[in-house]
C-alpha atoms as a PDB file:
ATOM      1  CA  UNK A   1       0.000   0.000   0.000  1.00  0.00           C
ATOM      2  CA  UNK A   2       1.096   3.554  -0.676  1.00  0.00           C
ATOM      3  CA  UNK A   3      -0.321   7.055  -0.220  1.00  0.00           C
ATOM      4  CA  UNK A   4      -1.024   9.615  -2.916  1.00  0.00           C
ATOM      5  CA  UNK A   5      -0.341  13.352  -2.487  1.00  0.00           C
ATOM      6  CA  UNK A   6      -3.638  13.875  -0.620  1.00  0.00           C
ATOM      7  CA  UNK A   7      -2.906  11.218   1.996  1.00  0.00           C
ATOM      8  CA  UNK A   8      -5.347   8.697   0.513  1.00  0.00           C
ATOM      9  CA  UNK A   9      -4.293   5.069   0.788  1.00  0.00           C
ATOM     10  CA  UNK A  10      -4.010   3.376  -2.578  1.00  0.00           C
ATOM     11  CA  UNK A  11      -4.395  -0.378  -2.783  1.00  0.00           C
ATOM     12  CA  UNK A  12      -2.410  -1.989  -5.610  1.00  0.00           C
ATOM     13  CA  UNK A  13      -4.549  -3.440  -8.411  1.00  0.00           C
ATOM     14  CA  UNK A  14      -5.192  -7.176  -8.249  1.00  0.00           C
ATOM     15  CA  UNK A  15      -3.334  -9.306 -10.777  1.00  0.00           C
ATOM     16  CA  UNK A  16      -6.453  -9.631 -12.962  1.00  0.00           C
ATOM     17  CA  UNK A  17      -6.572  -5.842 -13.408  1.00  0.00           C
ATOM     18  CA  UNK A  18      -2.955  -5.799 -14.563  1.00  0.00           C
ATOM     19  CA  UNK A  19      -3.688  -7.976 -17.574  1.00  0.00           C
ATOM     20  CA  UNK A  20      -3.196 -11.408 -16.024  1.00  0.00           C
ATOM     21  CA  UNK A  21      -5.866 -14.080 -16.375  1.00  0.00           C
ATOM     22  CA  UNK A  22      -8.084 -14.446 -13.314  1.00  0.00           C
ATOM     23  CA  UNK A  23      -8.806 -17.977 -12.155  1.00  0.00           C
ATOM     24  CA  UNK A  24     -12.507 -18.538 -12.849  1.00  0.00           C
ATOM     25  CA  UNK A  25     -12.951 -20.205  -9.475  1.00  0.00           C
ATOM     26  CA  UNK A  26     -12.342 -16.849  -7.798  1.00  0.00           C
ATOM     27  CA  UNK A  27     -15.246 -15.205  -9.620  1.00  0.00           C
ATOM     28  CA  UNK A  28     -17.741 -13.914  -7.073  1.00  0.00           C
ATOM     29  CA  UNK A  29     -20.372 -12.134  -9.185  1.00  0.00           C
ATOM     30  CA  UNK A  30     -23.902 -13.265  -8.313  1.00  0.00           C
ATOM     31  CA  UNK A  31     -25.941 -11.077 -10.659  1.00  0.00           C
ATOM     32  CA  UNK A  32     -26.374  -7.647 -12.173  1.00  0.00           C
ATOM     33  CA  UNK A  33     -27.236  -5.023  -9.578  1.00  0.00           C
ATOM     34  CA  UNK A  34     -27.830  -1.951 -11.692  1.00  0.00           C
ATOM     35  CA  UNK A  35     -27.398  -0.245 -15.035  1.00  0.00           C
ATOM     36  CA  UNK A  36     -27.405   3.561 -15.016  1.00  0.00           C
ATOM     37  CA  UNK A  37     -27.705   5.803 -18.034  1.00  0.00           C
ATOM     38  CA  UNK A  38     -27.641   9.563 -18.470  1.00  0.00           C
ATOM     39  CA  UNK A  39     -30.698  11.047 -20.174  1.00  0.00           C
ATOM     40  CA  UNK A  40     -31.632  14.411 -21.684  1.00  0.00           C
ATOM     41  CA  UNK A  41     -35.393  14.317 -21.040  1.00  0.00           C
ATOM     42  CA  UNK A  42     -35.975  12.583 -17.714  1.00  0.00           C
ATOM     43  CA  UNK A  43     -39.770  12.947 -17.849  1.00  0.00           C
ATOM     44  CA  UNK A  44     -40.089  11.365 -21.309  1.00  0.00           C
ATOM     45  CA  UNK A  45     -37.663   8.581 -20.446  1.00  0.00           C
ATOM     46  CA  UNK A  46     -39.428   7.944 -17.108  1.00  0.00           C
ATOM     47  CA  UNK A  47     -42.753   7.603 -18.907  1.00  0.00           C
ATOM     48  CA  UNK A  48     -41.274   5.278 -21.574  1.00  0.00           C
ATOM     49  CA  UNK A  49     -39.590   2.897 -19.134  1.00  0.00           C
ATOM     50  CA  UNK A  50     -42.597   2.800 -16.829  1.00  0.00           C
ATOM     51  CA  UNK A  51     -45.437   2.683 -19.358  1.00  0.00           C
ATOM     52  CA  UNK A  52     -43.909   1.089 -22.470  1.00  0.00           C
ATOM     53  CA  UNK A  53     -41.254  -1.194 -20.995  1.00  0.00           C
ATOM     54  CA  UNK A  54     -43.317  -1.859 -17.856  1.00  0.00           C
ATOM     55  CA  UNK A  55     -40.737  -1.332 -15.128  1.00  0.00           C
ATOM     56  CA  UNK A  56     -41.737  -0.550 -11.548  1.00  0.00           C
ATOM     57  CA  UNK A  57     -40.574   2.815 -10.180  1.00  0.00           C
ATOM     58  CA  UNK A  58     -38.583   2.437  -6.971  1.00  0.00           C
ATOM     59  CA  UNK A  59     -37.823   6.135  -6.482  1.00  0.00           C
ATOM     60  CA  UNK A  60     -38.161   9.359  -8.428  1.00  0.00           C
ATOM     61  CA  UNK A  61     -36.317  12.554  -7.588  1.00  0.00           C
ATOM     62  CA  UNK A  62     -36.018  15.735  -9.622  1.00  0.00           C
ATOM     63  CA  UNK A  63     -32.780  14.539 -11.258  1.00  0.00           C
ATOM     64  CA  UNK A  64     -33.105  10.747 -11.327  1.00  0.00           C
ATOM     65  CA  UNK A  65     -35.472   7.776 -11.358  1.00  0.00           C
ATOM     66  CA  UNK A  66     -34.748   4.187 -10.288  1.00  0.00           C
ATOM     67  CA  UNK A  67     -36.715   1.244 -11.693  1.00  0.00           C
ATOM     68  CA  UNK A  68     -36.867  -2.327 -10.463  1.00  0.00           C
ATOM     69  CA  UNK A  69     -36.078  -4.762 -13.267  1.00  0.00           C
ATOM     70  CA  UNK A  70     -36.259  -8.027 -11.311  1.00  0.00           C
ATOM     71  CA  UNK A  71     -35.399  -9.701  -8.050  1.00  0.00           C
ATOM     72  CA  UNK A  72     -31.680  -9.698  -7.575  1.00  0.00           C
ATOM     73  CA  UNK A  73     -29.235 -11.240  -5.189  1.00  0.00           C
ATOM     74  CA  UNK A  74     -28.909 -10.851  -1.442  1.00  0.00           C
ATOM     75  CA  UNK A  75     -31.797  -8.423  -1.091  1.00  0.00           C
ATOM     76  CA  UNK A  76     -30.621  -5.957  -3.765  1.00  0.00           C
ATOM     77  CA  UNK A  77     -33.000  -5.832  -6.713  1.00  0.00           C
ATOM     78  CA  UNK A  78     -31.781  -5.571 -10.294  1.00  0.00           C
ATOM     79  CA  UNK A  79     -32.292  -1.917 -11.204  1.00  0.00           C
ATOM     80  CA  UNK A  80     -32.212   0.500 -14.090  1.00  0.00           C
ATOM     81  CA  UNK A  81     -31.399   4.078 -13.107  1.00  0.00           C
ATOM     82  CA  UNK A  82     -31.876   7.150 -15.272  1.00  0.00           C
ATOM     83  CA  UNK A  83     -29.936  10.288 -14.345  1.00  0.00           C
ATOM     84  CA  UNK A  84     -30.599  13.728 -15.828  1.00  0.00           C
ATOM     85  CA  UNK A  85     -27.566  14.466 -18.019  1.00  0.00           C
ATOM     86  CA  UNK A  86     -27.051  17.868 -16.366  1.00  0.00           C
ATOM     87  CA  UNK A  87     -26.901  16.376 -12.867  1.00  0.00           C
ATOM     88  CA  UNK A  88     -23.185  16.206 -12.145  1.00  0.00           C
ATOM     89  CA  UNK A  89     -23.097  15.493  -8.405  1.00  0.00           C
ATOM     90  CA  UNK A  90     -23.569  11.716  -8.776  1.00  0.00           C
ATOM     91  CA  UNK A  91     -21.067  11.527 -11.617  1.00  0.00           C
ATOM     92  CA  UNK A  92     -18.436  13.706  -9.955  1.00  0.00           C
ATOM     93  CA  UNK A  93     -18.456  11.652  -6.770  1.00  0.00           C
ATOM     94  CA  UNK A  94     -18.608   8.241  -8.449  1.00  0.00           C
ATOM     95  CA  UNK A  95     -17.061   8.641 -11.893  1.00  0.00           C
ATOM     96  CA  UNK A  96     -15.483  12.048 -12.557  1.00  0.00           C
ATOM     97  CA  UNK A  97     -13.968  10.926 -15.856  1.00  0.00           C
ATOM     98  CA  UNK A  98     -17.387  10.084 -17.384  1.00  0.00           C
ATOM     99  CA  UNK A  99     -18.169  12.065 -20.512  1.00  0.00           C
ATOM    100  CA  UNK A 100     -20.422  11.628 -23.515  1.00  0.00           C
ATOM    101  CA  UNK A 101     -17.316  11.079 -25.652  1.00  0.00           C
ATOM    102  CA  UNK A 102     -16.396   8.065 -23.493  1.00  0.00           C
ATOM    103  CA  UNK A 103     -19.856   6.549 -23.018  1.00  0.00           C
ATOM    104  CA  UNK A 104     -19.884   3.057 -24.465  1.00  0.00           C
ATOM    105  CA  UNK A 105     -23.420   1.807 -23.839  1.00  0.00           C
ATOM    106  CA  UNK A 106     -24.347  -0.591 -26.638  1.00  0.00           C
ATOM    107  CA  UNK A 107     -27.741  -1.814 -25.440  1.00  0.00           C
ATOM    108  CA  UNK A 108     -29.705  -2.976 -22.430  1.00  0.00           C
ATOM    109  CA  UNK A 109     -31.256  -6.459 -22.567  1.00  0.00           C
ATOM    110  CA  UNK A 110     -34.281  -7.357 -20.465  1.00  0.00           C
ATOM    111  CA  UNK A 111     -35.628 -10.902 -20.175  1.00  0.00           C
ATOM    112  CA  UNK A 112     -39.174 -11.709 -21.259  1.00  0.00           C
ATOM    113  CA  UNK A 113     -40.843 -15.111 -21.378  1.00  0.00           C
ATOM    114  CA  UNK A 114     -41.027 -17.051 -24.622  1.00  0.00           C
ATOM    115  CA  UNK A 115     -44.817 -17.063 -24.254  1.00  0.00           C
ATOM    116  CA  UNK A 116     -44.842 -13.227 -24.291  1.00  0.00           C
ATOM    117  CA  UNK A 117     -42.365 -12.779 -27.142  1.00  0.00           C
ATOM    118  CA  UNK A 118     -44.813 -12.401 -30.061  1.00  0.00           C
ATOM    119  CA  UNK A 119     -47.367 -10.370 -28.116  1.00  0.00           C
ATOM    120  CA  UNK A 120     -44.620  -7.987 -26.939  1.00  0.00           C
ATOM    121  CA  UNK A 121     -43.456  -7.570 -30.546  1.00  0.00           C
ATOM    122  CA  UNK A 122     -46.989  -6.680 -31.654  1.00  0.00           C
ATOM    123  CA  UNK A 123     -47.530  -4.378 -28.678  1.00  0.00           C
ATOM    124  CA  UNK A 124     -44.307  -2.455 -29.287  1.00  0.00           C
ATOM    125  CA  UNK A 125     -45.030  -2.138 -33.006  1.00  0.00           C
ATOM    126  CA  UNK A 126     -48.566  -0.970 -32.143  1.00  0.00           C
ATOM    127  CA  UNK A 127     -46.980   1.839 -30.144  1.00  0.00           C
ATOM    128  CA  UNK A 128     -45.176   2.973 -33.289  1.00  0.00           C
ATOM    129  CA  UNK A 129     -41.771   1.603 -32.380  1.00  0.00           C
ATOM    130  CA  UNK A 130     -39.497   0.160 -35.048  1.00  0.00           C
ATOM    131  CA  UNK A 131     -38.831  -3.373 -33.761  1.00  0.00           C
ATOM    132  CA  UNK A 132     -36.206  -5.703 -35.214  1.00  0.00           C
ATOM    133  CA  UNK A 133     -36.489  -9.393 -34.357  1.00  0.00           C
ATOM    134  CA  UNK A 134     -33.399 -11.599 -34.305  1.00  0.00           C
ATOM    135  CA  UNK A 135     -32.389 -15.135 -33.394  1.00  0.00           C
ATOM    136  CA  UNK A 136     -29.039 -15.869 -31.748  1.00  0.00           C
ATOM    137  CA  UNK A 137     -28.453 -19.603 -32.182  1.00  0.00           C
ATOM    138  CA  UNK A 138     -25.325 -19.795 -30.055  1.00  0.00           C
ATOM    139  CA  UNK A 139     -27.275 -18.473 -27.039  1.00  0.00           C
ATOM    140  CA  UNK A 140     -30.554 -20.251 -27.923  1.00  0.00           C
ATOM    141  CA  UNK A 141     -32.471 -16.976 -27.675  1.00  0.00           C
ATOM    142  CA  UNK A 142     -34.906 -14.818 -29.581  1.00  0.00           C
ATOM    143  CA  UNK A 143     -34.536 -11.042 -29.344  1.00  0.00           C
ATOM    144  CA  UNK A 144     -36.529  -7.911 -30.079  1.00  0.00           C
ATOM    145  CA  UNK A 145     -34.500  -4.730 -30.552  1.00  0.00           C
ATOM    146  CA  UNK A 146     -36.029  -1.247 -30.346  1.00  0.00           C
ATOM    147  CA  UNK A 147     -34.959   2.280 -29.379  1.00  0.00           C
ATOM    148  CA  UNK A 148     -35.993   4.328 -26.362  1.00  0.00           C
ATOM    149  CA  UNK A 149     -36.903   8.016 -26.870  1.00  0.00           C
ATOM    150  CA  UNK A 150     -33.229   9.076 -26.745  1.00  0.00           C
ATOM    151  CA  UNK A 151     -31.939   6.415 -29.120  1.00  0.00           C
ATOM    152  CA  UNK A 152     -30.577   3.903 -26.608  1.00  0.00           C
ATOM    153  CA  UNK A 153     -31.017   0.374 -27.896  1.00  0.00           C
ATOM    154  CA  UNK A 154     -33.211  -1.932 -25.818  1.00  0.00           C
ATOM    155  CA  UNK A 155     -33.528  -5.676 -26.236  1.00  0.00           C
ATOM    156  CA  UNK A 156     -36.274  -7.954 -25.000  1.00  0.00           C
ATOM    157  CA  UNK A 157     -34.710 -11.420 -24.968  1.00  0.00           C
ATOM    158  CA  UNK A 158     -36.093 -14.864 -24.215  1.00  0.00           C
ATOM    159  CA  UNK A 159     -34.575 -18.307 -24.034  1.00  0.00           C
ATOM    160  CA  UNK A 160     -35.943 -20.742 -26.610  1.00  0.00           C
ATOM    161  CA  UNK A 161     -34.438 -24.223 -26.541  1.00  0.00           C
ATOM    162  CA  UNK A 162     -35.733 -24.843 -30.081  1.00  0.00           C
ATOM    163  CA  UNK A 163     -33.341 -22.191 -31.409  1.00  0.00           C
ATOM    164  CA  UNK A 164     -30.294 -24.070 -32.664  1.00  0.00           C
END
């Protein structure tokens, strides 16, 4: 351990963070806790994720909204959080280097049941959304891809053992 110029203790990076291969038996991840994205129009995005996607609101504040996606692990639900793009306090304390030039979000995938796949496709199309269906044989899944109001790509995905 060493100290930086502000007297903060710095712990050396584990071997896996230095480019070495981590032994898979040491993997401790139990699930996805949260995905957070920055948004320009919080009200429109709130309405879309609650009414179109169907997520339950956990908390709404003037600069953010948290949705429950599913049960998680150890009492922490799986969440999607939307933060007003102009709200810097969360970013500055948690990730000061975050910028729109560095954002790398590709898409967010949410599980749906196979039984709901076709009806969800029709429902989304009925709402005027451009929906692209795909099959990913190697994962044995069917997917529906569509944009949210700010152009983020969403995926509704379901396992289908008949997909080979």
